[in-house]
């Protein structure tokens, strides 16, 4: 049976940071977790996002904006580089 949730200690070991650092990230909203009594549980489904393996909508939008701006400013240069 696969686990659905990780404890803060398990996540700390995966991220190679302290449990306190995990708790700070939870409180800052950088890691989504649910409160279970005095502890937190982190969904295994969210692990890819935490590890940076998945792009969030915000990250994707930022990348698209940067690419559009780069193409707008350096389009001719990029075209010439692609031709060589």
PDB file of N, CA and C in Angstrom:
ATOM      1  N   UNK A   1       0.831  -1.172   0.000  1.00  0.00           N
ATOM      2  CA  UNK A   1       0.000   0.000   0.000  1.00  0.00           C
ATOM      3  C   UNK A   1       0.887   1.252   0.000  1.00  0.00           C
ATOM      4  N   UNK A   2       0.643   2.142  -0.946  1.00  0.00           N
ATOM      5  CA  UNK A   2       1.437   3.364  -1.051  1.00  0.00           C
ATOM      6  C   UNK A   2       0.972   4.401  -0.043  1.00  0.00           C
ATOM      7  N   UNK A   3       1.933   5.174   0.459  1.00  0.00           N
ATOM      8  CA  UNK A   3       1.602   6.247   1.390  1.00  0.00           C
ATOM      9  C   UNK A   3       0.985   7.406   0.622  1.00  0.00           C
ATOM     10  N   UNK A   4       0.008   8.055   1.230  1.00  0.00           N
ATOM     11  CA  UNK A   4      -0.629   9.214   0.622  1.00  0.00           C
ATOM     12  C   UNK A   4      -0.059  10.507   1.176  1.00  0.00           C
ATOM     13  N   UNK A   5       0.520  10.443   2.370  1.00  0.00           N
ATOM     14  CA  UNK A   5       1.033  11.645   3.024  1.00  0.00           C
ATOM     15  C   UNK A   5       2.415  11.391   3.611  1.00  0.00           C
ATOM     16  N   UNK A   6       3.186  12.453   3.698  1.00  0.00           N
ATOM     17  CA  UNK A   6       4.503  12.418   4.329  1.00  0.00           C
ATOM     18  C   UNK A   6       4.474  13.277   5.583  1.00  0.00           C
ATOM     19  N   UNK A   7       5.256  12.890   6.559  1.00  0.00           N
ATOM     20  CA  UNK A   7       5.408  13.731   7.749  1.00  0.00           C
ATOM     21  C   UNK A   7       6.458  14.799   7.449  1.00  0.00           C
ATOM     22  N   UNK A   8       6.548  15.772   8.323  1.00  0.00           N
ATOM     23  CA  UNK A   8       7.553  16.817   8.134  1.00  0.00           C
ATOM     24  C   UNK A   8       8.969  16.243   8.233  1.00  0.00           C
ATOM     25  N   UNK A   9       9.144  15.242   9.059  1.00  0.00           N
ATOM     26  CA  UNK A   9      10.452  14.599   9.201  1.00  0.00           C
ATOM     27  C   UNK A   9      10.831  13.865   7.918  1.00  0.00           C
ATOM     28  N   UNK A  10       9.879  13.141   7.331  1.00  0.00           N
ATOM     29  CA  UNK A  10      10.146  12.419   6.086  1.00  0.00           C
ATOM     30  C   UNK A  10      10.484  13.394   4.954  1.00  0.00           C
ATOM     31  N   UNK A  11       9.729  14.493   4.871  1.00  0.00           N
ATOM     32  CA  UNK A  11       9.993  15.486   3.834  1.00  0.00           C
ATOM     33  C   UNK A  11      11.343  16.154   4.051  1.00  0.00           C
ATOM     34  N   UNK A  12      11.687  16.413   5.294  1.00  0.00           N
ATOM     35  CA  UNK A  12      12.983  17.018   5.605  1.00  0.00           C
ATOM     36  C   UNK A  12      14.122  16.120   5.121  1.00  0.00           C
ATOM     37  N   UNK A  13      13.989  14.818   5.313  1.00  0.00           N
ATOM     38  CA  UNK A  13      15.019  13.876   4.849  1.00  0.00           C
ATOM     39  C   UNK A  13      15.118  13.879   3.334  1.00  0.00           C
ATOM     40  N   UNK A  14      13.975  13.929   2.651  1.00  0.00           N
ATOM     41  CA  UNK A  14      13.960  13.942   1.186  1.00  0.00           C
ATOM     42  C   UNK A  14      14.625  15.214   0.664  1.00  0.00           C
ATOM     43  N   UNK A  15      14.309  16.359   1.272  1.00  0.00           N
ATOM     44  CA  UNK A  15      14.839  17.644   0.827  1.00  0.00           C
ATOM     45  C   UNK A  15      16.239  17.942   1.370  1.00  0.00           C
ATOM     46  N   UNK A  16      16.678  17.101   2.306  1.00  0.00           N
ATOM     47  CA  UNK A  16      17.976  17.271   2.953  1.00  0.00           C
ATOM     48  C   UNK A  16      18.075  18.619   3.677  1.00  0.00           C
ATOM     49  N   UNK A  17      16.990  18.953   4.362  1.00  0.00           N
ATOM     50  CA  UNK A  17      16.942  20.153   5.197  1.00  0.00           C
ATOM     51  C   UNK A  17      16.399  19.747   6.559  1.00  0.00           C
ATOM     52  N   UNK A  18      16.413  20.666   7.494  1.00  0.00           N
ATOM     53  CA  UNK A  18      15.923  20.339   8.836  1.00  0.00           C
ATOM     54  C   UNK A  18      14.392  20.357   8.887  1.00  0.00           C
ATOM     55  N   UNK A  19      13.855  19.718   9.906  1.00  0.00           N
ATOM     56  CA  UNK A  19      12.403  19.713  10.117  1.00  0.00           C
ATOM     57  C   UNK A  19      11.901  21.132  10.358  1.00  0.00           C
ATOM     58  N   UNK A  20      12.695  21.922  11.056  1.00  0.00           N
ATOM     59  CA  UNK A  20      12.340  23.315  11.332  1.00  0.00           C
ATOM     60  C   UNK A  20      12.235  24.103  10.019  1.00  0.00           C
ATOM     61  N   UNK A  21      13.148  23.842   9.082  1.00  0.00           N
ATOM     62  CA  UNK A  21      13.105  24.519   7.779  1.00  0.00           C
ATOM     63  C   UNK A  21      11.834  24.132   7.018  1.00  0.00           C
ATOM     64  N   UNK A  22      11.430  22.871   7.121  1.00  0.00           N
ATOM     65  CA  UNK A  22      10.183  22.424   6.483  1.00  0.00           C
ATOM     66  C   UNK A  22       9.001  23.164   7.108  1.00  0.00           C
ATOM     67  N   UNK A  23       8.982  23.258   8.424  1.00  0.00           N
ATOM     68  CA  UNK A  23       7.892  23.963   9.107  1.00  0.00           C
ATOM     69  C   UNK A  23       7.830  25.429   8.697  1.00  0.00           C
ATOM     70  N   UNK A  24       8.985  26.073   8.542  1.00  0.00           N
ATOM     71  CA  UNK A  24       9.017  27.472   8.106  1.00  0.00           C
ATOM     72  C   UNK A  24       8.429  27.609   6.703  1.00  0.00           C
ATOM     73  N   UNK A  25       8.794  26.677   5.819  1.00  0.00           N
ATOM     74  CA  UNK A  25       8.279  26.710   4.453  1.00  0.00           C
ATOM     75  C   UNK A  25       6.763  26.488   4.432  1.00  0.00           C
ATOM     76  N   UNK A  26       6.273  25.658   5.313  1.00  0.00           N
ATOM     77  CA  UNK A  26       4.825  25.441   5.414  1.00  0.00           C
ATOM     78  C   UNK A  26       4.149  26.728   5.868  1.00  0.00           C
ATOM     79  N   UNK A  27       4.710  27.351   6.894  1.00  0.00           N
ATOM     80  CA  UNK A  27       4.107  28.580   7.422  1.00  0.00           C
ATOM     81  C   UNK A  27       4.170  29.730   6.430  1.00  0.00           C
ATOM     82  N   UNK A  28       5.191  29.752   5.564  1.00  0.00           N
ATOM     83  CA  UNK A  28       5.311  30.783   4.534  1.00  0.00           C
ATOM     84  C   UNK A  28       4.453  30.483   3.308  1.00  0.00           C
ATOM     85  N   UNK A  29       3.857  29.287   3.283  1.00  0.00           N
ATOM     86  CA  UNK A  29       3.013  28.919   2.152  1.00  0.00           C
ATOM     87  C   UNK A  29       3.778  28.335   0.975  1.00  0.00           C
ATOM     88  N   UNK A  30       5.062  28.071   1.148  1.00  0.00           N
ATOM     89  CA  UNK A  30       5.872  27.499   0.075  1.00  0.00           C
ATOM     90  C   UNK A  30       5.626  26.004  -0.084  1.00  0.00           C
ATOM     91  N   UNK A  31       5.169  25.367   0.980  1.00  0.00           N
ATOM     92  CA  UNK A  31       4.822  23.949   0.953  1.00  0.00           C
ATOM     93  C   UNK A  31       3.392  23.834   1.449  1.00  0.00           C
ATOM     94  N   UNK A  32       2.556  23.173   0.651  1.00  0.00           N
ATOM     95  CA  UNK A  32       1.164  22.978   1.037  1.00  0.00           C
ATOM     96  C   UNK A  32       1.078  21.766   1.959  1.00  0.00           C
ATOM     97  N   UNK A  33       0.425  21.941   3.097  1.00  0.00           N
ATOM     98  CA  UNK A  33       0.303  20.862   4.077  1.00  0.00           C
ATOM     99  C   UNK A  33      -1.022  21.004   4.816  1.00  0.00           C
ATOM    100  N   UNK A  34      -1.461  19.899   5.386  1.00  0.00           N
ATOM    101  CA  UNK A  34      -2.662  19.941   6.214  1.00  0.00           C
ATOM    102  C   UNK A  34      -2.251  19.699   7.660  1.00  0.00           C
ATOM    103  N   UNK A  35      -2.959  20.325   8.530  1.00  0.00           N
ATOM    104  CA  UNK A  35      -2.647  20.201   9.952  1.00  0.00           C
ATOM    105  C   UNK A  35      -3.333  18.953  10.505  1.00  0.00           C
ATOM    106  N   UNK A  36      -2.555  18.145  11.209  1.00  0.00           N
ATOM    107  CA  UNK A  36      -3.075  16.944  11.861  1.00  0.00           C
ATOM    108  C   UNK A  36      -2.647  17.032  13.321  1.00  0.00           C
ATOM    109  N   UNK A  37      -3.558  17.509  14.159  1.00  0.00           N
ATOM    110  CA  UNK A  37      -3.205  17.729  15.558  1.00  0.00           C
ATOM    111  C   UNK A  37      -2.164  18.826  15.650  1.00  0.00           C
ATOM    112  N   UNK A  38      -1.021  18.503  16.245  1.00  0.00           N
ATOM    113  CA  UNK A  38       0.075  19.471  16.354  1.00  0.00           C
ATOM    114  C   UNK A  38       1.067  19.337  15.212  1.00  0.00           C
ATOM    115  N   UNK A  39       0.858  18.374  14.341  1.00  0.00           N
ATOM    116  CA  UNK A  39       1.787  18.108  13.244  1.00  0.00           C
ATOM    117  C   UNK A  39       1.174  18.485  11.909  1.00  0.00           C
ATOM    118  N   UNK A  40       1.968  18.337  10.857  1.00  0.00           N
ATOM    119  CA  UNK A  40       1.516  18.588   9.491  1.00  0.00           C
ATOM    120  C   UNK A  40       1.722  17.337   8.652  1.00  0.00           C
ATOM    121  N   UNK A  41       0.873  17.194   7.643  1.00  0.00           N
ATOM    122  CA  UNK A  41       1.001  16.098   6.685  1.00  0.00           C
ATOM    123  C   UNK A  41       1.076  16.716   5.292  1.00  0.00           C
ATOM    124  N   UNK A  42       2.013  16.227   4.495  1.00  0.00           N
ATOM    125  CA  UNK A  42       2.218  16.744   3.148  1.00  0.00           C
ATOM    126  C   UNK A  42       1.819  15.642   2.163  1.00  0.00           C
ATOM    127  N   UNK A  43       0.943  15.987   1.232  1.00  0.00           N
ATOM    128  CA  UNK A  43       0.470  15.013   0.260  1.00  0.00           C
ATOM    129  C   UNK A  43       1.607  14.588  -0.668  1.00  0.00           C
ATOM    130  N   UNK A  44       1.697  13.297  -0.928  1.00  0.00           N
ATOM    131  CA  UNK A  44       2.708  12.769  -1.842  1.00  0.00           C
ATOM    132  C   UNK A  44       2.481  13.339  -3.245  1.00  0.00           C
ATOM    133  N   UNK A  45       1.229  13.650  -3.588  1.00  0.00           N
ATOM    134  CA  UNK A  45       0.910  14.232  -4.898  1.00  0.00           C
ATOM    135  C   UNK A  45       1.626  15.566  -5.100  1.00  0.00           C
ATOM    136  N   UNK A  46       1.867  16.299  -4.029  1.00  0.00           N
ATOM    137  CA  UNK A  46       2.505  17.612  -4.105  1.00  0.00           C
ATOM    138  C   UNK A  46       4.029  17.531  -4.123  1.00  0.00           C
ATOM    139  N   UNK A  47       4.571  16.349  -3.982  1.00  0.00           N
ATOM    140  CA  UNK A  47       6.014  16.186  -3.874  1.00  0.00           C
ATOM    141  C   UNK A  47       6.748  16.670  -5.125  1.00  0.00           C
ATOM    142  N   UNK A  48       6.200  16.420  -6.299  1.00  0.00           N
ATOM    143  CA  UNK A  48       6.843  16.872  -7.541  1.00  0.00           C
ATOM    144  C   UNK A  48       7.002  18.376  -7.578  1.00  0.00           C
ATOM    145  N   UNK A  49       5.984  19.098  -7.149  1.00  0.00           N
ATOM    146  CA  UNK A  49       6.066  20.551  -7.097  1.00  0.00           C
ATOM    147  C   UNK A  49       7.060  21.036  -6.069  1.00  0.00           C
ATOM    148  N   UNK A  50       7.118  20.361  -4.951  1.00  0.00           N
ATOM    149  CA  UNK A  50       8.046  20.740  -3.885  1.00  0.00           C
ATOM    150  C   UNK A  50       9.488  20.518  -4.343  1.00  0.00           C
ATOM    151  N   UNK A  51       9.713  19.438  -5.052  1.00  0.00           N
ATOM    152  CA  UNK A  51      11.062  19.121  -5.523  1.00  0.00           C
ATOM    153  C   UNK A  51      11.447  19.930  -6.759  1.00  0.00           C
ATOM    154  N   UNK A  52      10.497  20.691  -7.287  1.00  0.00           N
ATOM    155  CA  UNK A  52      10.784  21.503  -8.461  1.00  0.00           C
ATOM    156  C   UNK A  52      10.711  20.721  -9.755  1.00  0.00           C
ATOM    157  N   UNK A  53      10.073  19.565  -9.732  1.00  0.00           N
ATOM    158  CA  UNK A  53       9.948  18.744 -10.930  1.00  0.00           C
ATOM    159  C   UNK A  53       8.743  19.136 -11.769  1.00  0.00           C
ATOM    160  N   UNK A  54       7.858  19.928 -11.201  1.00  0.00           N
ATOM    161  CA  UNK A  54       6.671  20.374 -11.910  1.00  0.00           C
ATOM    162  C   UNK A  54       6.631  21.890 -11.886  1.00  0.00           C
ATOM    163  N   UNK A  55       6.176  22.473 -12.976  1.00  0.00           N
ATOM    164  CA  UNK A  55       6.008  23.918 -13.016  1.00  0.00           C
ATOM    165  C   UNK A  55       4.652  24.297 -12.458  1.00  0.00           C
ATOM    166  N   UNK A  56       4.652  25.310 -11.649  1.00  0.00           N
ATOM    167  CA  UNK A  56       3.379  25.838 -11.181  1.00  0.00           C
ATOM    168  C   UNK A  56       2.827  26.758 -12.263  1.00  0.00           C
ATOM    169  N   UNK A  57       1.552  27.086 -12.186  1.00  0.00           N
ATOM    170  CA  UNK A  57       0.935  27.997 -13.156  1.00  0.00           C
ATOM    171  C   UNK A  57       1.657  29.340 -13.151  1.00  0.00           C
ATOM    172  N   UNK A  58       2.035  29.795 -11.964  1.00  0.00           N
ATOM    173  CA  UNK A  58       2.733  31.074 -11.822  1.00  0.00           C
ATOM    174  C   UNK A  58       4.090  31.020 -12.530  1.00  0.00           C
ATOM    175  N   UNK A  59       4.848  29.923 -12.323  1.00  0.00           N
ATOM    176  CA  UNK A  59       6.149  29.768 -12.964  1.00  0.00           C
ATOM    177  C   UNK A  59       6.002  29.699 -14.480  1.00  0.00           C
ATOM    178  N   UNK A  60       5.007  28.955 -14.943  1.00  0.00           N
ATOM    179  CA  UNK A  60       4.773  28.806 -16.373  1.00  0.00           C
ATOM    180  C   UNK A  60       4.441  30.153 -17.014  1.00  0.00           C
ATOM    181  N   UNK A  61       3.602  30.941 -16.361  1.00  0.00           N
ATOM    182  CA  UNK A  61       3.237  32.261 -16.880  1.00  0.00           C
ATOM    183  C   UNK A  61       4.455  33.176 -16.935  1.00  0.00           C
ATOM    184  N   UNK A  62       5.299  33.118 -15.910  1.00  0.00           N
ATOM    185  CA  UNK A  62       6.504  33.943 -15.876  1.00  0.00           C
ATOM    186  C   UNK A  62       7.453  33.553 -17.005  1.00  0.00           C
ATOM    187  N   UNK A  63       7.628  32.261 -17.248  1.00  0.00           N
ATOM    188  CA  UNK A  63       8.496  31.791 -18.327  1.00  0.00           C
ATOM    189  C   UNK A  63       7.957  32.251 -19.676  1.00  0.00           C
ATOM    190  N   UNK A  64       6.653  32.148 -19.872  1.00  0.00           N
ATOM    191  CA  UNK A  64       6.054  32.585 -21.140  1.00  0.00           C
ATOM    192  C   UNK A  64       6.263  34.077 -21.363  1.00  0.00           C
ATOM    193  N   UNK A  65       6.099  34.887 -20.322  1.00  0.00           N
ATOM    194  CA  UNK A  65       6.325  36.336 -20.447  1.00  0.00           C
ATOM    195  C   UNK A  65       7.767  36.637 -20.834  1.00  0.00           C
ATOM    196  N   UNK A  66       8.716  35.951 -20.189  1.00  0.00           N
ATOM    197  CA  UNK A  66      10.127  36.188 -20.455  1.00  0.00           C
ATOM    198  C   UNK A  66      10.483  35.772 -21.877  1.00  0.00           C
ATOM    199  N   UNK A  67       9.965  34.648 -22.329  1.00  0.00           N
ATOM    200  CA  UNK A  67      10.241  34.181 -23.691  1.00  0.00           C
ATOM    201  C   UNK A  67       9.678  35.168 -24.712  1.00  0.00           C
ATOM    202  N   UNK A  68       8.451  35.626 -24.508  1.00  0.00           N
ATOM    203  CA  UNK A  68       7.851  36.596 -25.435  1.00  0.00           C
ATOM    204  C   UNK A  68       8.659  37.880 -25.492  1.00  0.00           C
ATOM    205  N   UNK A  69       9.094  38.366 -24.329  1.00  0.00           N
ATOM    206  CA  UNK A  69       9.886  39.594 -24.289  1.00  0.00           C
ATOM    207  C   UNK A  69      11.226  39.398 -24.995  1.00  0.00           C
ATOM    208  N   UNK A  70      11.856  38.244 -24.784  1.00  0.00           N
ATOM    209  CA  UNK A  70      13.140  37.958 -25.418  1.00  0.00           C
ATOM    210  C   UNK A  70      12.993  37.895 -26.930  1.00  0.00           C
ATOM    211  N   UNK A  71      11.960  37.221 -27.415  1.00  0.00           N
ATOM    212  CA  UNK A  71      11.727  37.125 -28.854  1.00  0.00           C
ATOM    213  C   UNK A  71      11.446  38.504 -29.429  1.00  0.00           C
ATOM    214  N   UNK A  72      10.694  39.309 -28.712  1.00  0.00           N
ATOM    215  CA  UNK A  72      10.372  40.664 -29.184  1.00  0.00           C
ATOM    216  C   UNK A  72      11.645  41.515 -29.296  1.00  0.00           C
ATOM    217  N   UNK A  73      12.509  41.442 -28.283  1.00  0.00           N
ATOM    218  CA  UNK A  73      13.708  42.273 -28.252  1.00  0.00           C
ATOM    219  C   UNK A  73      14.845  41.739 -29.124  1.00  0.00           C
ATOM    220  N   UNK A  74      14.963  40.413 -29.207  1.00  0.00           N
ATOM    221  CA  UNK A  74      16.106  39.819 -29.899  1.00  0.00           C
ATOM    222  C   UNK A  74      15.692  38.890 -31.032  1.00  0.00           C
ATOM    223  N   UNK A  75      14.490  39.068 -31.560  1.00  0.00           N
ATOM    224  CA  UNK A  75      13.972  38.178 -32.586  1.00  0.00           C
ATOM    225  C   UNK A  75      14.869  38.039 -33.793  1.00  0.00           C
ATOM    226  N   UNK A  76      15.343  39.155 -34.327  1.00  0.00           N
ATOM    227  CA  UNK A  76      16.208  39.114 -35.514  1.00  0.00           C
ATOM    228  C   UNK A  76      17.522  38.404 -35.216  1.00  0.00           C
ATOM    229  N   UNK A  77      18.103  38.689 -34.061  1.00  0.00           N
ATOM    230  CA  UNK A  77      19.356  38.034 -33.668  1.00  0.00           C
ATOM    231  C   UNK A  77      19.147  36.534 -33.507  1.00  0.00           C
ATOM    232  N   UNK A  78      18.052  36.152 -32.884  1.00  0.00           N
ATOM    233  CA  UNK A  78      17.760  34.725 -32.713  1.00  0.00           C
ATOM    234  C   UNK A  78      17.553  34.044 -34.061  1.00  0.00           C
ATOM    235  N   UNK A  79      16.894  34.742 -34.984  1.00  0.00           N
ATOM    236  CA  UNK A  79      16.659  34.170 -36.319  1.00  0.00           C
ATOM    237  C   UNK A  79      17.986  33.959 -37.025  1.00  0.00           C
ATOM    238  N   UNK A  80      18.884  34.940 -36.945  1.00  0.00           N
ATOM    239  CA  UNK A  80      20.204  34.822 -37.583  1.00  0.00           C
ATOM    240  C   UNK A  80      21.038  33.711 -36.956  1.00  0.00           C
ATOM    241  N   UNK A  81      20.981  33.588 -35.636  1.00  0.00           N
ATOM    242  CA  UNK A  81      21.703  32.503 -34.966  1.00  0.00           C
ATOM    243  C   UNK A  81      21.149  31.141 -35.370  1.00  0.00           C
ATOM    244  N   UNK A  82      19.841  31.051 -35.529  1.00  0.00           N
ATOM    245  CA  UNK A  82      19.223  29.783 -35.928  1.00  0.00           C
ATOM    246  C   UNK A  82      19.569  29.397 -37.347  1.00  0.00           C
ATOM    247  N   UNK A  83      19.829  30.386 -38.194  1.00  0.00           N
ATOM    248  CA  UNK A  83      20.155  30.129 -39.591  1.00  0.00           C
ATOM    249  C   UNK A  83      21.590  29.647 -39.753  1.00  0.00           C
ATOM    250  N   UNK A  84      22.455  29.963 -38.788  1.00  0.00           N
ATOM    251  CA  UNK A  84      23.874  29.579 -38.941  1.00  0.00           C
ATOM    252  C   UNK A  84      24.164  28.189 -38.436  1.00  0.00           C
TER     253      UNK A  84
END
